[in-house]
């Protein structure tokens, strides 16, 4: 069961769920690497400027475990353990 499912299951109603969800989002934003976001945005802008295409692909192995596959240009921005990057 993922965190959002736990929040939903433990909630006593809509307001309770919204409070839990807001705390969850706040936690995500506290750990956001703003420099990495800037670099990814620049990667997208460069691709658009040069009329290039960026492809994202991924697979899910079971409901709980996801292994995103990121393009090589984004590998250096992945800092979370457990995120796997494909090799061409």
N, C-alpha and C. Protein backbone atom coordinates (compact mmCIF):
# COMPACT_ATOMS: atom_id res chain seq x y z
N UNK A 1 0.85 -1.17 0.00
CA UNK A 1 0.00 0.00 0.00
C UNK A 1 0.90 1.24 0.00
N UNK A 2 0.65 2.16 -0.94
CA UNK A 2 1.47 3.37 -0.99
C UNK A 2 0.95 4.41 0.00
N UNK A 3 1.67 5.50 0.10
CA UNK A 3 1.36 6.51 1.12
C UNK A 3 -0.02 7.14 0.92
N UNK A 4 -0.39 7.43 -0.32
CA UNK A 4 -1.70 8.02 -0.57
C UNK A 4 -2.83 7.06 -0.22
N UNK A 5 -2.62 5.79 -0.48
CA UNK A 5 -3.63 4.79 -0.10
C UNK A 5 -3.77 4.72 1.42
N UNK A 6 -2.65 4.81 2.13
CA UNK A 6 -2.71 4.81 3.60
C UNK A 6 -3.44 6.04 4.12
N UNK A 7 -3.13 7.20 3.53
CA UNK A 7 -3.81 8.44 3.94
C UNK A 7 -5.31 8.29 3.73
N UNK A 8 -5.71 7.74 2.58
CA UNK A 8 -7.13 7.56 2.29
C UNK A 8 -7.78 6.61 3.28
N UNK A 9 -7.11 5.49 3.54
CA UNK A 9 -7.67 4.47 4.43
C UNK A 9 -7.82 4.98 5.86
N UNK A 10 -6.88 5.83 6.30
CA UNK A 10 -6.89 6.33 7.68
C UNK A 10 -7.75 7.57 7.85
N UNK A 11 -8.21 8.14 6.75
CA UNK A 11 -9.01 9.38 6.83
C UNK A 11 -10.42 9.10 7.32
N UNK A 12 -10.94 10.08 8.06
CA UNK A 12 -12.31 9.98 8.57
C UNK A 12 -13.30 10.71 7.66
N UNK A 13 -12.84 11.25 6.56
CA UNK A 13 -13.70 11.98 5.63
C UNK A 13 -12.87 12.82 4.68
N UNK A 14 -13.57 13.62 3.87
CA UNK A 14 -12.90 14.40 2.84
C UNK A 14 -11.91 15.40 3.42
N UNK A 15 -12.31 16.11 4.47
CA UNK A 15 -11.44 17.12 5.06
C UNK A 15 -10.20 16.48 5.67
N UNK A 16 -10.37 15.37 6.33
CA UNK A 16 -9.25 14.65 6.93
C UNK A 16 -8.29 14.18 5.85
N UNK A 17 -8.84 13.66 4.74
CA UNK A 17 -8.00 13.22 3.62
C UNK A 17 -7.24 14.41 3.04
N UNK A 18 -7.92 15.53 2.86
CA UNK A 18 -7.28 16.72 2.30
C UNK A 18 -6.13 17.20 3.18
N UNK A 19 -6.32 17.14 4.49
CA UNK A 19 -5.24 17.52 5.41
C UNK A 19 -4.04 16.59 5.25
N UNK A 20 -4.28 15.29 5.20
CA UNK A 20 -3.21 14.32 5.03
C UNK A 20 -2.51 14.47 3.68
N UNK A 21 -3.30 14.72 2.64
CA UNK A 21 -2.74 14.89 1.30
C UNK A 21 -1.89 16.15 1.23
N UNK A 22 -2.35 17.23 1.88
CA UNK A 22 -1.60 18.47 1.92
C UNK A 22 -0.26 18.29 2.64
N UNK A 23 -0.27 17.56 3.74
CA UNK A 23 0.99 17.28 4.45
C UNK A 23 1.94 16.46 3.57
N UNK A 24 1.37 15.53 2.82
CA UNK A 24 2.16 14.71 1.91
C UNK A 24 2.81 15.58 0.83
N UNK A 25 2.02 16.48 0.21
CA UNK A 25 2.57 17.36 -0.82
C UNK A 25 3.64 18.29 -0.24
N UNK A 26 3.40 18.80 0.96
CA UNK A 26 4.36 19.66 1.61
C UNK A 26 5.69 18.93 1.81
N UNK A 27 5.62 17.67 2.21
CA UNK A 27 6.82 16.86 2.41
C UNK A 27 7.56 16.67 1.08
N UNK A 28 6.82 16.42 0.00
CA UNK A 28 7.45 16.28 -1.31
C UNK A 28 8.16 17.57 -1.73
N UNK A 29 7.49 18.70 -1.54
CA UNK A 29 8.06 19.98 -1.95
C UNK A 29 9.28 20.36 -1.13
N UNK A 30 9.30 19.97 0.15
CA UNK A 30 10.46 20.27 1.00
C UNK A 30 11.72 19.59 0.48
N UNK A 31 11.57 18.46 -0.19
CA UNK A 31 12.70 17.69 -0.66
C UNK A 31 12.98 17.86 -2.15
N UNK A 32 12.32 18.81 -2.77
CA UNK A 32 12.48 19.05 -4.20
C UNK A 32 13.82 19.73 -4.47
N UNK A 33 14.56 19.21 -5.41
CA UNK A 33 15.83 19.79 -5.81
C UNK A 33 15.55 20.81 -6.92
N UNK A 34 15.48 22.08 -6.55
CA UNK A 34 15.10 23.13 -7.49
C UNK A 34 16.12 23.30 -8.60
N UNK A 35 17.38 23.05 -8.32
CA UNK A 35 18.40 23.12 -9.37
C UNK A 35 18.19 22.03 -10.41
N UNK A 36 17.80 20.85 -9.97
CA UNK A 36 17.52 19.76 -10.90
C UNK A 36 16.30 20.09 -11.75
N UNK A 37 15.29 20.69 -11.15
CA UNK A 37 14.09 21.09 -11.91
C UNK A 37 14.48 22.10 -12.98
N UNK A 38 15.30 23.08 -12.60
CA UNK A 38 15.77 24.08 -13.57
C UNK A 38 16.51 23.41 -14.71
N UNK A 39 17.37 22.44 -14.40
CA UNK A 39 18.15 21.76 -15.43
C UNK A 39 17.26 20.95 -16.37
N UNK A 40 16.26 20.30 -15.83
CA UNK A 40 15.34 19.53 -16.66
C UNK A 40 14.55 20.47 -17.57
N UNK A 41 14.09 21.59 -17.02
CA UNK A 41 13.37 22.57 -17.84
C UNK A 41 14.26 23.06 -18.98
N UNK A 42 15.52 23.35 -18.67
CA UNK A 42 16.45 23.79 -19.71
C UNK A 42 16.67 22.71 -20.76
N UNK A 43 16.68 21.45 -20.33
CA UNK A 43 16.80 20.34 -21.27
C UNK A 43 15.60 20.33 -22.23
N UNK A 44 14.39 20.53 -21.68
CA UNK A 44 13.19 20.58 -22.52
C UNK A 44 13.24 21.78 -23.47
N UNK A 45 13.66 22.93 -22.96
CA UNK A 45 13.72 24.13 -23.80
C UNK A 45 14.75 23.98 -24.91
N UNK A 46 15.90 23.38 -24.60
CA UNK A 46 16.92 23.13 -25.62
C UNK A 46 16.39 22.18 -26.69
N UNK A 47 15.68 21.15 -26.27
CA UNK A 47 15.11 20.19 -27.23
C UNK A 47 14.11 20.90 -28.15
N UNK A 48 13.26 21.74 -27.57
CA UNK A 48 12.29 22.47 -28.39
C UNK A 48 12.99 23.41 -29.35
N UNK A 49 13.98 24.15 -28.86
CA UNK A 49 14.72 25.11 -29.68
C UNK A 49 15.40 24.41 -30.85
N UNK A 50 15.93 23.22 -30.62
CA UNK A 50 16.66 22.48 -31.65
C UNK A 50 15.78 21.47 -32.39
N UNK A 51 14.46 21.57 -32.17
CA UNK A 51 13.48 20.68 -32.83
C UNK A 51 13.81 19.21 -32.61
N UNK A 52 14.15 18.88 -31.36
CA UNK A 52 14.45 17.51 -30.97
C UNK A 52 13.29 16.93 -30.18
N UNK A 53 13.31 15.64 -29.98
CA UNK A 53 12.26 14.95 -29.24
C UNK A 53 12.88 14.25 -28.04
N UNK A 54 12.21 14.33 -26.90
CA UNK A 54 12.62 13.61 -25.71
C UNK A 54 11.59 12.52 -25.46
N UNK A 55 12.04 11.29 -25.32
CA UNK A 55 11.15 10.16 -25.07
C UNK A 55 11.33 9.68 -23.63
N UNK A 56 10.23 9.42 -22.96
CA UNK A 56 10.24 8.81 -21.64
C UNK A 56 9.54 7.47 -21.74
N UNK A 57 10.11 6.47 -21.13
CA UNK A 57 9.50 5.15 -21.12
C UNK A 57 9.70 4.55 -19.74
N UNK A 58 8.79 3.72 -19.35
CA UNK A 58 8.92 3.08 -18.06
C UNK A 58 8.09 1.82 -17.99
N UNK A 59 8.30 1.09 -16.93
CA UNK A 59 7.52 -0.13 -16.71
C UNK A 59 7.22 -0.25 -15.23
N UNK A 60 6.21 -0.97 -14.93
CA UNK A 60 5.84 -1.22 -13.54
C UNK A 60 5.91 -2.71 -13.29
N UNK A 61 6.60 -3.08 -12.24
CA UNK A 61 6.67 -4.48 -11.85
C UNK A 61 5.89 -4.63 -10.56
N UNK A 62 4.62 -4.88 -10.67
CA UNK A 62 3.76 -4.98 -9.50
C UNK A 62 3.20 -3.62 -9.13
N UNK A 63 2.20 -3.64 -8.28
CA UNK A 63 1.51 -2.41 -7.92
C UNK A 63 2.36 -1.50 -7.05
N UNK A 64 3.29 -2.05 -6.31
CA UNK A 64 4.04 -1.25 -5.34
C UNK A 64 5.39 -0.74 -5.87
N UNK A 65 5.93 -1.39 -6.88
CA UNK A 65 7.31 -1.12 -7.25
C UNK A 65 7.37 -0.57 -8.67
N UNK A 66 7.90 0.64 -8.82
CA UNK A 66 8.06 1.22 -10.15
C UNK A 66 9.52 1.51 -10.40
N UNK A 67 9.96 1.25 -11.61
CA UNK A 67 11.33 1.51 -12.01
C UNK A 67 11.32 2.38 -13.25
N UNK A 68 11.36 3.70 -13.07
CA UNK A 68 11.36 4.57 -14.25
C UNK A 68 12.64 4.39 -15.07
N UNK A 69 12.51 4.56 -16.35
CA UNK A 69 13.65 4.52 -17.25
C UNK A 69 13.80 5.93 -17.80
N UNK A 70 14.91 6.57 -17.49
CA UNK A 70 15.11 7.95 -17.89
C UNK A 70 16.14 8.06 -19.00
N UNK A 71 15.97 9.04 -19.88
CA UNK A 71 16.98 9.25 -20.91
C UNK A 71 18.34 9.58 -20.29
N UNK A 72 19.39 9.26 -21.01
CA UNK A 72 20.73 9.48 -20.50
C UNK A 72 20.98 10.93 -20.12
N UNK A 73 20.34 11.88 -20.81
CA UNK A 73 20.56 13.30 -20.51
C UNK A 73 20.06 13.67 -19.12
N UNK A 74 19.16 12.87 -18.54
CA UNK A 74 18.61 13.19 -17.23
C UNK A 74 19.22 12.35 -16.12
N UNK A 75 20.10 11.41 -16.44
CA UNK A 75 20.65 10.51 -15.43
C UNK A 75 21.33 11.26 -14.29
N UNK A 76 22.04 12.32 -14.62
CA UNK A 76 22.80 13.03 -13.58
C UNK A 76 21.90 13.72 -12.56
N UNK A 77 20.61 13.88 -12.87
CA UNK A 77 19.69 14.56 -11.96
C UNK A 77 18.98 13.60 -11.02
N UNK A 78 19.14 12.31 -11.24
CA UNK A 78 18.47 11.32 -10.41
C UNK A 78 19.31 11.06 -9.18
N UNK A 79 18.79 11.45 -8.02
CA UNK A 79 19.56 11.32 -6.79
C UNK A 79 18.88 10.41 -5.78
N UNK A 80 17.69 9.92 -6.09
CA UNK A 80 16.96 9.08 -5.15
C UNK A 80 17.42 7.63 -5.27
N UNK A 81 17.75 6.99 -4.15
CA UNK A 81 18.04 5.56 -4.20
C UNK A 81 16.80 4.79 -4.66
N UNK A 82 17.01 3.76 -5.40
CA UNK A 82 15.89 2.95 -5.85
C UNK A 82 15.34 3.38 -7.20
N UNK A 83 15.87 4.44 -7.78
CA UNK A 83 15.46 4.85 -9.12
C UNK A 83 16.52 4.32 -10.08
N UNK A 84 16.08 3.57 -11.05
CA UNK A 84 16.99 2.92 -11.96
C UNK A 84 16.96 3.61 -13.32
N UNK A 85 18.11 3.76 -13.89
CA UNK A 85 18.24 4.42 -15.18
C UNK A 85 18.72 3.41 -16.20
N UNK A 86 18.09 3.42 -17.36
CA UNK A 86 18.46 2.45 -18.39
C UNK A 86 19.76 2.84 -19.06
N UNK A 87 20.45 1.88 -19.55
CA UNK A 87 21.64 2.10 -20.36
C UNK A 87 21.28 1.76 -21.78
N UNK A 88 21.67 2.60 -22.74
CA UNK A 88 21.33 2.31 -24.15
C UNK A 88 22.09 1.11 -24.67
